[in-house]
PDB file of N, CA and C in Angstrom:
ATOM      1  N   UNK A   1      71.146  -2.440 -23.773  1.00  0.00           N
ATOM      2  CA  UNK A   1      70.955  -3.507 -24.538  1.00  0.00           C
ATOM      3  C   UNK A   1      70.159  -4.571 -23.726  1.00  0.00           C
ATOM      4  N   UNK A   2      69.558  -5.042 -23.890  1.00  0.00           N
ATOM      5  CA  UNK A   2      68.725  -6.226 -23.586  1.00  0.00           C
ATOM      6  C   UNK A   2      69.298  -7.801 -23.644  1.00  0.00           C
ATOM      7  N   UNK A   3      68.953  -8.350 -22.997  1.00  0.00           N
ATOM      8  CA  UNK A   3      69.559 -10.239 -23.205  1.00  0.00           C
ATOM      9  C   UNK A   3      68.967 -10.429 -24.584  1.00  0.00           C
ATOM     10  N   UNK A   4      67.726 -10.205 -24.930  1.00  0.00           N
ATOM     11  CA  UNK A   4      67.407 -10.482 -26.357  1.00  0.00           C
ATOM     12  C   UNK A   4      67.668 -10.214 -27.420  1.00  0.00           C
ATOM     13  N   UNK A   5      68.120  -8.414 -27.116  1.00  0.00           N
ATOM     14  CA  UNK A   5      68.903  -7.949 -28.330  1.00  0.00           C
ATOM     15  C   UNK A   5      70.574  -8.454 -28.298  1.00  0.00           C
ATOM     16  N   UNK A   6      71.292  -8.938 -27.078  1.00  0.00           N
ATOM     17  CA  UNK A   6      72.288  -9.489 -26.952  1.00  0.00           C
ATOM     18  C   UNK A   6      72.540 -10.424 -28.057  1.00  0.00           C
ATOM     19  N   UNK A   7      71.496 -11.603 -27.387  1.00  0.00           N
ATOM     20  CA  UNK A   7      71.524 -13.039 -28.106  1.00  0.00           C
ATOM     21  C   UNK A   7      71.333 -12.933 -29.371  1.00  0.00           C
ATOM     22  N   UNK A   8      70.360 -11.865 -30.208  1.00  0.00           N
ATOM     23  CA  UNK A   8      70.129 -11.809 -31.518  1.00  0.00           C
ATOM     24  C   UNK A   8      71.414 -11.171 -32.174  1.00  0.00           C
ATOM     25  N   UNK A   9      72.077 -10.135 -31.701  1.00  0.00           N
ATOM     26  CA  UNK A   9      73.219  -9.502 -32.289  1.00  0.00           C
ATOM     27  C   UNK A   9      74.495 -10.790 -32.335  1.00  0.00           C
ATOM     28  N   UNK A  10      74.326 -11.545 -31.447  1.00  0.00           N
ATOM     29  CA  UNK A  10      75.676 -12.610 -31.351  1.00  0.00           C
ATOM     30  C   UNK A  10      75.228 -13.715 -32.268  1.00  0.00           C
ATOM     31  N   UNK A  11      74.119 -13.769 -32.334  1.00  0.00           N
ATOM     32  CA  UNK A  11      73.683 -14.660 -33.467  1.00  0.00           C
ATOM     33  C   UNK A  11      73.880 -14.221 -34.696  1.00  0.00           C
ATOM     34  N   UNK A  12      73.457 -13.187 -35.105  1.00  0.00           N
ATOM     35  CA  UNK A  12      73.746 -12.484 -36.518  1.00  0.00           C
ATOM     36  C   UNK A  12      75.056 -12.222 -36.724  1.00  0.00           C
ATOM     37  N   UNK A  13      75.870 -11.995 -35.639  1.00  0.00           N
ATOM     38  CA  UNK A  13      77.612 -12.331 -35.953  1.00  0.00           C
ATOM     39  C   UNK A  13      77.876 -13.613 -36.362  1.00  0.00           C
ATOM     40  N   UNK A  14      77.263 -14.629 -35.785  1.00  0.00           N
ATOM     41  CA  UNK A  14      77.751 -16.107 -36.016  1.00  0.00           C
ATOM     42  C   UNK A  14      77.330 -16.295 -37.484  1.00  0.00           C
ATOM     43  N   UNK A  15      75.965 -15.791 -37.830  1.00  0.00           N
ATOM     44  CA  UNK A  15      75.565 -16.200 -39.325  1.00  0.00           C
ATOM     45  C   UNK A  15      76.364 -15.681 -40.157  1.00  0.00           C
ATOM     46  N   UNK A  16      77.046 -14.568 -39.639  1.00  0.00           N
ATOM     47  CA  UNK A  16      78.114 -13.752 -41.161  1.00  0.00           C
ATOM     48  C   UNK A  16      79.484 -14.398 -41.271  1.00  0.00           C
ATOM     49  N   UNK A  17      79.551 -15.585 -40.293  1.00  0.00           N
ATOM     50  CA  UNK A  17      80.844 -16.269 -40.590  1.00  0.00           C
ATOM     51  C   UNK A  17      81.746 -16.114 -39.456  1.00  0.00           C
ATOM     52  N   UNK A  18      81.388 -15.018 -38.686  1.00  0.00           N
ATOM     53  CA  UNK A  18      82.565 -14.440 -37.768  1.00  0.00           C
ATOM     54  C   UNK A  18      82.962 -15.454 -36.798  1.00  0.00           C
ATOM     55  N   UNK A  19      84.379 -15.388 -36.241  1.00  0.00           N
ATOM     56  CA  UNK A  19      84.734 -16.334 -35.270  1.00  0.00           C
ATOM     57  C   UNK A  19      84.876 -15.370 -34.323  1.00  0.00           C
ATOM     58  N   UNK A  20      83.920 -15.746 -33.095  1.00  0.00           N
ATOM     59  CA  UNK A  20      83.936 -14.757 -32.041  1.00  0.00           C
ATOM     60  C   UNK A  20      84.368 -15.348 -30.359  1.00  0.00           C
ATOM     61  N   UNK A  21      84.858 -14.488 -29.988  1.00  0.00           N
ATOM     62  CA  UNK A  21      85.611 -14.904 -28.784  1.00  0.00           C
ATOM     63  C   UNK A  21      85.060 -14.436 -27.538  1.00  0.00           C
ATOM     64  N   UNK A  22      84.958 -15.127 -26.569  1.00  0.00           N
ATOM     65  CA  UNK A  22      84.501 -15.066 -25.324  1.00  0.00           C
ATOM     66  C   UNK A  22      84.919 -13.502 -24.933  1.00  0.00           C
ATOM     67  N   UNK A  23      86.473 -13.220 -24.717  1.00  0.00           N
ATOM     68  CA  UNK A  23      86.362 -12.155 -24.302  1.00  0.00           C
ATOM     69  C   UNK A  23      86.144 -11.054 -25.033  1.00  0.00           C
ATOM     70  N   UNK A  24      86.045 -11.063 -26.281  1.00  0.00           N
ATOM     71  CA  UNK A  24      85.561  -9.998 -27.199  1.00  0.00           C
ATOM     72  C   UNK A  24      83.992  -9.542 -26.710  1.00  0.00           C
ATOM     73  N   UNK A  25      83.321 -10.841 -26.581  1.00  0.00           N
ATOM     74  CA  UNK A  25      81.684 -10.666 -26.362  1.00  0.00           C
ATOM     75  C   UNK A  25      81.534  -9.889 -24.791  1.00  0.00           C
ATOM     76  N   UNK A  26      82.581 -10.240 -23.922  1.00  0.00           N
ATOM     77  CA  UNK A  26      82.353  -9.612 -22.671  1.00  0.00           C
ATOM     78  C   UNK A  26      82.766  -8.207 -22.928  1.00  0.00           C
ATOM     79  N   UNK A  27      83.571  -7.874 -23.497  1.00  0.00           N
ATOM     80  CA  UNK A  27      84.164  -6.465 -23.728  1.00  0.00           C
ATOM     81  C   UNK A  27      82.804  -5.758 -24.336  1.00  0.00           C
ATOM     82  N   UNK A  28      82.258  -6.416 -25.177  1.00  0.00           N
ATOM     83  CA  UNK A  28      81.758  -5.597 -26.406  1.00  0.00           C
ATOM     84  C   UNK A  28      80.365  -5.305 -25.415  1.00  0.00           C
ATOM     85  N   UNK A  29      79.919  -6.327 -24.764  1.00  0.00           N
ATOM     86  CA  UNK A  29      78.476  -6.205 -24.274  1.00  0.00           C
ATOM     87  C   UNK A  29      78.337  -5.995 -22.167  1.00  0.00           C
ATOM     88  N   UNK A  30      79.697  -5.558 -21.946  1.00  0.00           N
ATOM     89  CA  UNK A  30      79.936  -5.372 -20.601  1.00  0.00           C
ATOM     90  C   UNK A  30      79.562  -6.493 -19.559  1.00  0.00           C
ATOM     91  N   UNK A  31      79.264  -7.827 -20.022  1.00  0.00           N
ATOM     92  CA  UNK A  31      78.702  -8.820 -19.526  1.00  0.00           C
ATOM     93  C   UNK A  31      80.225  -9.777 -18.779  1.00  0.00           C
ATOM     94  N   UNK A  32      79.459 -10.391 -17.621  1.00  0.00           N
ATOM     95  CA  UNK A  32      80.296 -11.818 -17.078  1.00  0.00           C
ATOM     96  C   UNK A  32      80.649 -12.647 -18.176  1.00  0.00           C
ATOM     97  N   UNK A  33      81.437 -13.487 -17.901  1.00  0.00           N
ATOM     98  CA  UNK A  33      82.030 -14.962 -18.860  1.00  0.00           C
ATOM     99  C   UNK A  33      80.578 -15.655 -18.753  1.00  0.00           C
ATOM    100  N   UNK A  34      80.262 -15.644 -17.281  1.00  0.00           N
ATOM    101  CA  UNK A  34      78.946 -16.907 -17.189  1.00  0.00           C
ATOM    102  C   UNK A  34      77.933 -16.285 -17.904  1.00  0.00           C
ATOM    103  N   UNK A  35      77.564 -15.136 -18.293  1.00  0.00           N
ATOM    104  CA  UNK A  35      76.653 -14.535 -19.074  1.00  0.00           C
ATOM    105  C   UNK A  35      76.584 -14.858 -20.605  1.00  0.00           C
ATOM    106  N   UNK A  36      77.669 -14.592 -21.094  1.00  0.00           N
ATOM    107  CA  UNK A  36      78.413 -15.070 -22.554  1.00  0.00           C
ATOM    108  C   UNK A  36      77.974 -16.659 -22.653  1.00  0.00           C
ATOM    109  N   UNK A  37      78.378 -17.296 -21.624  1.00  0.00           N
ATOM    110  CA  UNK A  37      78.515 -18.851 -22.103  1.00  0.00           C
ATOM    111  C   UNK A  37      77.135 -19.074 -21.930  1.00  0.00           C
ATOM    112  N   UNK A  38      75.919 -18.418 -21.167  1.00  0.00           N
ATOM    113  CA  UNK A  38      74.652 -18.643 -21.179  1.00  0.00           C
ATOM    114  C   UNK A  38      73.893 -18.449 -22.325  1.00  0.00           C
ATOM    115  N   UNK A  39      74.382 -17.292 -22.839  1.00  0.00           N
ATOM    116  CA  UNK A  39      73.822 -16.547 -24.265  1.00  0.00           C
ATOM    117  C   UNK A  39      73.941 -17.576 -25.423  1.00  0.00           C
ATOM    118  N   UNK A  40      75.537 -18.239 -25.147  1.00  0.00           N
ATOM    119  CA  UNK A  40      75.923 -19.317 -26.452  1.00  0.00           C
ATOM    120  C   UNK A  40      75.228 -20.279 -26.129  1.00  0.00           C
ATOM    121  N   UNK A  41      74.970 -21.001 -25.246  1.00  0.00           N
ATOM    122  CA  UNK A  41      74.046 -22.071 -24.720  1.00  0.00           C
ATOM    123  C   UNK A  41      72.867 -22.058 -25.258  1.00  0.00           C
ATOM    124  N   UNK A  42      72.040 -20.742 -25.051  1.00  0.00           N
ATOM    125  CA  UNK A  42      70.522 -20.642 -25.592  1.00  0.00           C
ATOM    126  C   UNK A  42      70.891 -20.761 -26.850  1.00  0.00           C
ATOM    127  N   UNK A  43      71.527 -20.127 -27.838  1.00  0.00           N
ATOM    128  CA  UNK A  43      71.385 -19.947 -29.216  1.00  0.00           C
ATOM    129  C   UNK A  43      71.974 -21.414 -29.691  1.00  0.00           C
ATOM    130  N   UNK A  44      72.881 -22.107 -29.231  1.00  0.00           N
ATOM    131  CA  UNK A  44      73.068 -23.316 -29.815  1.00  0.00           C
ATOM    132  C   UNK A  44      71.857 -24.510 -29.065  1.00  0.00           C
ATOM    133  N   UNK A  45      71.200 -24.420 -28.334  1.00  0.00           N
ATOM    134  CA  UNK A  45      70.325 -25.423 -27.777  1.00  0.00           C
ATOM    135  C   UNK A  45      69.001 -25.063 -29.047  1.00  0.00           C
ATOM    136  N   UNK A  46      68.909 -23.974 -29.464  1.00  0.00           N
ATOM    137  CA  UNK A  46      67.957 -23.661 -30.285  1.00  0.00           C
ATOM    138  C   UNK A  46      68.338 -23.978 -31.836  1.00  0.00           C
ATOM    139  N   UNK A  47      69.506 -23.872 -31.878  1.00  0.00           N
ATOM    140  CA  UNK A  47      70.250 -24.599 -33.312  1.00  0.00           C
ATOM    141  C   UNK A  47      70.010 -25.788 -33.319  1.00  0.00           C
ATOM    142  N   UNK A  48      70.559 -26.695 -32.208  1.00  0.00           N
ATOM    143  CA  UNK A  48      70.326 -28.202 -32.083  1.00  0.00           C
ATOM    144  C   UNK A  48      69.075 -28.738 -32.024  1.00  0.00           C
ATOM    145  N   UNK A  49      68.176 -27.818 -31.700  1.00  0.00           N
ATOM    146  CA  UNK A  49      66.654 -28.444 -31.442  1.00  0.00           C
ATOM    147  C   UNK A  49      65.890 -28.297 -32.693  1.00  0.00           C
ATOM    148  N   UNK A  50      66.025 -26.788 -33.334  1.00  0.00           N
ATOM    149  CA  UNK A  50      64.899 -26.034 -34.245  1.00  0.00           C
ATOM    150  C   UNK A  50      65.344 -26.053 -35.447  1.00  0.00           C
ATOM    151  N   UNK A  51      66.694 -26.433 -35.721  1.00  0.00           N
ATOM    152  CA  UNK A  51      66.886 -26.418 -37.147  1.00  0.00           C
ATOM    153  C   UNK A  51      66.602 -27.753 -37.988  1.00  0.00           C
ATOM    154  N   UNK A  52      65.401 -27.523 -38.811  1.00  0.00           N
ATOM    155  CA  UNK A  52      65.043 -28.654 -39.455  1.00  0.00           C
ATOM    156  C   UNK A  52      64.559 -28.240 -40.801  1.00  0.00           C
ATOM    157  N   UNK A  53      64.994 -27.265 -41.402  1.00  0.00           N
ATOM    158  CA  UNK A  53      65.129 -26.946 -42.817  1.00  0.00           C
ATOM    159  C   UNK A  53      66.184 -27.469 -43.627  1.00  0.00           C
ATOM    160  N   UNK A  54      65.407 -28.169 -44.844  1.00  0.00           N
ATOM    161  CA  UNK A  54      66.186 -28.877 -45.383  1.00  0.00           C
ATOM    162  C   UNK A  54      67.500 -28.073 -46.252  1.00  0.00           C
ATOM    163  N   UNK A  55      67.475 -26.989 -46.486  1.00  0.00           N
ATOM    164  CA  UNK A  55      68.548 -26.271 -47.129  1.00  0.00           C
ATOM    165  C   UNK A  55      69.537 -26.223 -46.154  1.00  0.00           C
ATOM    166  N   UNK A  56      69.357 -26.606 -44.917  1.00  0.00           N
ATOM    167  CA  UNK A  56      70.578 -26.456 -43.862  1.00  0.00           C
ATOM    168  C   UNK A  56      70.815 -27.692 -43.726  1.00  0.00           C
ATOM    169  N   UNK A  57      72.132 -27.986 -43.289  1.00  0.00           N
ATOM    170  CA  UNK A  57      72.747 -29.430 -42.603  1.00  0.00           C
ATOM    171  C   UNK A  57      71.928 -29.677 -41.407  1.00  0.00           C
ATOM    172  N   UNK A  58      71.553 -31.119 -41.105  1.00  0.00           N
ATOM    173  CA  UNK A  58      71.317 -31.312 -39.492  1.00  0.00           C
ATOM    174  C   UNK A  58      72.187 -31.038 -38.489  1.00  0.00           C
ATOM    175  N   UNK A  59      73.546 -30.731 -38.922  1.00  0.00           N
ATOM    176  CA  UNK A  59      74.575 -30.397 -37.878  1.00  0.00           C
ATOM    177  C   UNK A  59      74.932 -29.160 -37.953  1.00  0.00           C
ATOM    178  N   UNK A  60      74.031 -28.076 -37.783  1.00  0.00           N
ATOM    179  CA  UNK A  60      74.113 -27.027 -37.627  1.00  0.00           C
ATOM    180  C   UNK A  60      74.615 -26.941 -36.133  1.00  0.00           C
ATOM    181  N   UNK A  61      75.793 -26.028 -35.912  1.00  0.00           N
ATOM    182  CA  UNK A  61      75.874 -25.849 -34.472  1.00  0.00           C
ATOM    183  C   UNK A  61      77.152 -24.985 -34.235  1.00  0.00           C
ATOM    184  N   UNK A  62      77.047 -24.735 -33.102  1.00  0.00           N
ATOM    185  CA  UNK A  62      78.350 -23.873 -32.907  1.00  0.00           C
ATOM    186  C   UNK A  62      79.506 -24.343 -32.318  1.00  0.00           C
ATOM    187  N   UNK A  63      80.547 -24.328 -33.230  1.00  0.00           N
ATOM    188  CA  UNK A  63      82.057 -24.775 -32.977  1.00  0.00           C
ATOM    189  C   UNK A  63      82.795 -24.381 -31.843  1.00  0.00           C
ATOM    190  N   UNK A  64      83.013 -24.680 -30.853  1.00  0.00           N
ATOM    191  CA  UNK A  64      84.036 -24.146 -29.975  1.00  0.00           C
ATOM    192  C   UNK A  64      85.408 -24.828 -29.745  1.00  0.00           C
ATOM    193  N   UNK A  65      86.284 -24.069 -30.056  1.00  0.00           N
ATOM    194  CA  UNK A  65      87.727 -24.150 -30.007  1.00  0.00           C
ATOM    195  C   UNK A  65      88.591 -24.690 -28.633  1.00  0.00           C
ATOM    196  N   UNK A  66      87.570 -24.569 -27.804  1.00  0.00           N
ATOM    197  CA  UNK A  66      88.235 -24.913 -26.472  1.00  0.00           C
ATOM    198  C   UNK A  66      89.249 -23.918 -25.494  1.00  0.00           C
ATOM    199  N   UNK A  67      89.194 -22.564 -26.428  1.00  0.00           N
ATOM    200  CA  UNK A  67      89.996 -21.666 -26.073  1.00  0.00           C
ATOM    201  C   UNK A  67      89.277 -20.405 -25.683  1.00  0.00           C
ATOM    202  N   UNK A  68      87.894 -20.415 -25.966  1.00  0.00           N
ATOM    203  CA  UNK A  68      86.962 -19.299 -25.642  1.00  0.00           C
ATOM    204  C   UNK A  68      86.391 -18.838 -27.130  1.00  0.00           C
ATOM    205  N   UNK A  69      86.610 -19.421 -28.083  1.00  0.00           N
ATOM    206  CA  UNK A  69      86.150 -19.125 -29.164  1.00  0.00           C
ATOM    207  C   UNK A  69      85.116 -19.697 -30.162  1.00  0.00           C
ATOM    208  N   UNK A  70      83.957 -19.275 -30.602  1.00  0.00           N
ATOM    209  CA  UNK A  70      82.795 -19.966 -31.295  1.00  0.00           C
ATOM    210  C   UNK A  70      82.652 -19.293 -32.548  1.00  0.00           C
ATOM    211  N   UNK A  71      82.138 -20.333 -33.205  1.00  0.00           N
ATOM    212  CA  UNK A  71      81.813 -20.131 -34.629  1.00  0.00           C
ATOM    213  C   UNK A  71      80.799 -21.110 -35.228  1.00  0.00           C
ATOM    214  N   UNK A  72      79.989 -20.574 -36.043  1.00  0.00           N
ATOM    215  CA  UNK A  72      78.920 -21.483 -36.622  1.00  0.00           C
ATOM    216  C   UNK A  72      79.472 -22.397 -37.429  1.00  0.00           C
ATOM    217  N   UNK A  73      79.279 -23.549 -37.220  1.00  0.00           N
ATOM    218  CA  UNK A  73      79.381 -24.880 -38.277  1.00  0.00           C
ATOM    219  C   UNK A  73      78.652 -24.816 -39.731  1.00  0.00           C
ATOM    220  N   UNK A  74      79.124 -24.973 -40.722  1.00  0.00           N
ATOM    221  CA  UNK A  74      78.345 -25.014 -41.961  1.00  0.00           C
ATOM    222  C   UNK A  74      78.027 -23.811 -42.458  1.00  0.00           C
ATOM    223  N   UNK A  75      78.934 -22.646 -42.219  1.00  0.00           N
ATOM    224  CA  UNK A  75      78.488 -21.316 -42.457  1.00  0.00           C
ATOM    225  C   UNK A  75      78.074 -21.160 -43.924  1.00  0.00           C
ATOM    226  N   UNK A  76      78.873 -21.749 -44.658  1.00  0.00           N
ATOM    227  CA  UNK A  76      78.676 -21.805 -46.394  1.00  0.00           C
ATOM    228  C   UNK A  76      77.638 -21.792 -46.754  1.00  0.00           C
ATOM    229  N   UNK A  77      76.858 -23.003 -45.892  1.00  0.00           N
ATOM    230  CA  UNK A  77      75.478 -23.113 -46.575  1.00  0.00           C
ATOM    231  C   UNK A  77      74.609 -22.272 -46.200  1.00  0.00           C
ATOM    232  N   UNK A  78      74.858 -21.648 -44.921  1.00  0.00           N
ATOM    233  CA  UNK A  78      74.123 -20.317 -44.419  1.00  0.00           C
ATOM    234  C   UNK A  78      74.090 -19.470 -45.447  1.00  0.00           C
ATOM    235  N   UNK A  79      75.177 -18.732 -45.604  1.00  0.00           N
ATOM    236  CA  UNK A  79      75.535 -17.876 -46.207  1.00  0.00           C
ATOM    237  C   UNK A  79      74.984 -17.650 -47.905  1.00  0.00           C
ATOM    238  N   UNK A  80      74.831 -19.167 -48.422  1.00  0.00           N
ATOM    239  CA  UNK A  80      74.054 -19.188 -49.600  1.00  0.00           C
ATOM    240  C   UNK A  80      72.541 -18.987 -49.789  1.00  0.00           C
ATOM    241  N   UNK A  81      72.122 -18.809 -48.694  1.00  0.00           N
ATOM    242  CA  UNK A  81      70.944 -18.570 -48.663  1.00  0.00           C
ATOM    243  C   UNK A  81      70.386 -17.017 -48.846  1.00  0.00           C
ATOM    244  N   UNK A  82      69.621 -16.624 -49.930  1.00  0.00           N
ATOM    245  CA  UNK A  82      69.470 -15.426 -50.164  1.00  0.00           C
ATOM    246  C   UNK A  82      68.543 -14.692 -49.156  1.00  0.00           C
ATOM    247  N   UNK A  83      67.781 -15.167 -48.666  1.00  0.00           N
ATOM    248  CA  UNK A  83      66.797 -14.216 -47.396  1.00  0.00           C
ATOM    249  C   UNK A  83      66.748 -15.380 -46.312  1.00  0.00           C
ATOM    250  N   UNK A  84      66.075 -14.584 -45.238  1.00  0.00           N
ATOM    251  CA  UNK A  84      65.640 -15.358 -43.987  1.00  0.00           C
ATOM    252  C   UNK A  84      64.745 -16.494 -44.449  1.00  0.00           C
ATOM    253  N   UNK A  85      64.752 -17.641 -44.083  1.00  0.00           N
ATOM    254  CA  UNK A  85      63.814 -18.532 -44.205  1.00  0.00           C
ATOM    255  C   UNK A  85      62.761 -18.524 -42.849  1.00  0.00           C
ATOM    256  N   UNK A  86      61.844 -19.161 -42.998  1.00  0.00           N
ATOM    257  CA  UNK A  86      60.771 -19.414 -41.777  1.00  0.00           C
ATOM    258  C   UNK A  86      61.451 -19.989 -40.758  1.00  0.00           C
ATOM    259  N   UNK A  87      62.227 -21.036 -40.948  1.00  0.00           N
ATOM    260  CA  UNK A  87      62.994 -21.492 -39.973  1.00  0.00           C
ATOM    261  C   UNK A  87      64.101 -20.639 -39.164  1.00  0.00           C
ATOM    262  N   UNK A  88      64.868 -19.520 -40.092  1.00  0.00           N
ATOM    263  CA  UNK A  88      65.782 -18.697 -39.696  1.00  0.00           C
ATOM    264  C   UNK A  88      64.774 -17.676 -38.676  1.00  0.00           C
ATOM    265  N   UNK A  89      63.685 -17.436 -39.208  1.00  0.00           N
ATOM    266  CA  UNK A  89      62.902 -16.403 -38.140  1.00  0.00           C
ATOM    267  C   UNK A  89      62.288 -17.305 -37.115  1.00  0.00           C
ATOM    268  N   UNK A  90      62.040 -18.590 -37.188  1.00  0.00           N
ATOM    269  CA  UNK A  90      61.499 -19.251 -35.830  1.00  0.00           C
ATOM    270  C   UNK A  90      62.895 -19.373 -34.900  1.00  0.00           C
ATOM    271  N   UNK A  91      63.689 -19.512 -35.413  1.00  0.00           N
ATOM    272  CA  UNK A  91      65.108 -19.340 -34.534  1.00  0.00           C
ATOM    273  C   UNK A  91      65.196 -18.109 -33.892  1.00  0.00           C
ATOM    274  N   UNK A  92      65.129 -16.994 -34.450  1.00  0.00           N
ATOM    275  CA  UNK A  92      65.127 -15.899 -33.728  1.00  0.00           C
ATOM    276  C   UNK A  92      63.976 -15.518 -32.539  1.00  0.00           C
ATOM    277  N   UNK A  93      62.882 -16.008 -33.075  1.00  0.00           N
ATOM    278  CA  UNK A  93      61.825 -16.156 -32.082  1.00  0.00           C
ATOM    279  C   UNK A  93      61.824 -17.238 -30.954  1.00  0.00           C
ATOM    280  N   UNK A  94      62.664 -17.972 -31.069  1.00  0.00           N
ATOM    281  CA  UNK A  94      62.779 -18.945 -29.959  1.00  0.00           C
ATOM    282  C   UNK A  94      64.016 -18.243 -29.130  1.00  0.00           C
ATOM    283  N   UNK A  95      64.905 -17.714 -29.497  1.00  0.00           N
ATOM    284  CA  UNK A  95      65.860 -17.492 -28.788  1.00  0.00           C
ATOM    285  C   UNK A  95      65.603 -16.181 -27.806  1.00  0.00           C
ATOM    286  N   UNK A  96      64.425 -15.401 -28.483  1.00  0.00           N
ATOM    287  CA  UNK A  96      63.768 -14.386 -27.703  1.00  0.00           C
ATOM    288  C   UNK A  96      62.907 -14.873 -26.406  1.00  0.00           C
ATOM    289  N   UNK A  97      62.383 -16.127 -27.176  1.00  0.00           N
ATOM    290  CA  UNK A  97      61.423 -16.781 -26.100  1.00  0.00           C
ATOM    291  C   UNK A  97      61.907 -17.450 -24.761  1.00  0.00           C
ATOM    292  N   UNK A  98      63.153 -17.873 -25.418  1.00  0.00           N
ATOM    293  CA  UNK A  98      64.013 -18.471 -24.010  1.00  0.00           C
ATOM    294  C   UNK A  98      64.581 -17.719 -22.959  1.00  0.00           C
ATOM    295  N   UNK A  99      64.591 -16.246 -23.237  1.00  0.00           N
ATOM    296  CA  UNK A  99      64.819 -15.353 -22.262  1.00  0.00           C
ATOM    297  C   UNK A  99      63.548 -15.090 -21.370  1.00  0.00           C
ATOM    298  N   UNK A 100      62.351 -15.578 -21.807  1.00  0.00           N
ATOM    299  CA  UNK A 100      61.321 -15.180 -21.317  1.00  0.00           C
ATOM    300  C   UNK A 100      60.755 -13.671 -20.794  1.00  0.00           C
ATOM    301  N   UNK A 101      61.191 -12.907 -21.697  1.00  0.00           N
ATOM    302  CA  UNK A 101      61.103 -11.301 -21.484  1.00  0.00           C
ATOM    303  C   UNK A 101      59.965 -10.997 -22.339  1.00  0.00           C
ATOM    304  N   UNK A 102      59.073 -10.409 -22.135  1.00  0.00           N
ATOM    305  CA  UNK A 102      57.759 -10.032 -23.194  1.00  0.00           C
ATOM    306  C   UNK A 102      58.502  -8.850 -23.850  1.00  0.00           C
ATOM    307  N   UNK A 103      57.826  -8.925 -25.028  1.00  0.00           N
ATOM    308  CA  UNK A 103      58.256  -8.485 -26.461  1.00  0.00           C
ATOM    309  C   UNK A 103      57.164  -7.776 -26.932  1.00  0.00           C
ATOM    310  N   UNK A 104      57.029  -6.528 -26.931  1.00  0.00           N
ATOM    311  CA  UNK A 104      55.914  -5.663 -27.370  1.00  0.00           C
ATOM    312  C   UNK A 104      56.568  -5.494 -28.876  1.00  0.00           C
ATOM    313  N   UNK A 105      55.764  -5.648 -29.798  1.00  0.00           N
ATOM    314  CA  UNK A 105      55.898  -5.377 -31.033  1.00  0.00           C
ATOM    315  C   UNK A 105      54.822  -4.039 -31.744  1.00  0.00           C
ATOM    316  N   UNK A 106      55.336  -3.021 -32.056  1.00  0.00           N
ATOM    317  CA  UNK A 106      54.679  -1.807 -32.371  1.00  0.00           C
ATOM    318  C   UNK A 106      54.265  -1.786 -33.877  1.00  0.00           C
TER     319      UNK A 106
END
């Protein structure tokens, strides 16, 4: 699994309302702590800078408990969406782009 797939997988788990721990992510993806922290940072940066959809609160961000757990705040609002919005798709694309890896669409 490449870094893009890993970040999208993490983001999708966050969208589902799950609380993720750094340790679980390290084991699941076989990556170092710094890699997981960087991935969460990329996702958080995109959320903070790119979420402008009026159906989502301006404060959508990743909540950190200080003990290595991450959870998306205001997840109840995200779960009420029936489909991916243009903004959701844009977030996915921004995460992909942030890794600067070329994506080939078939």
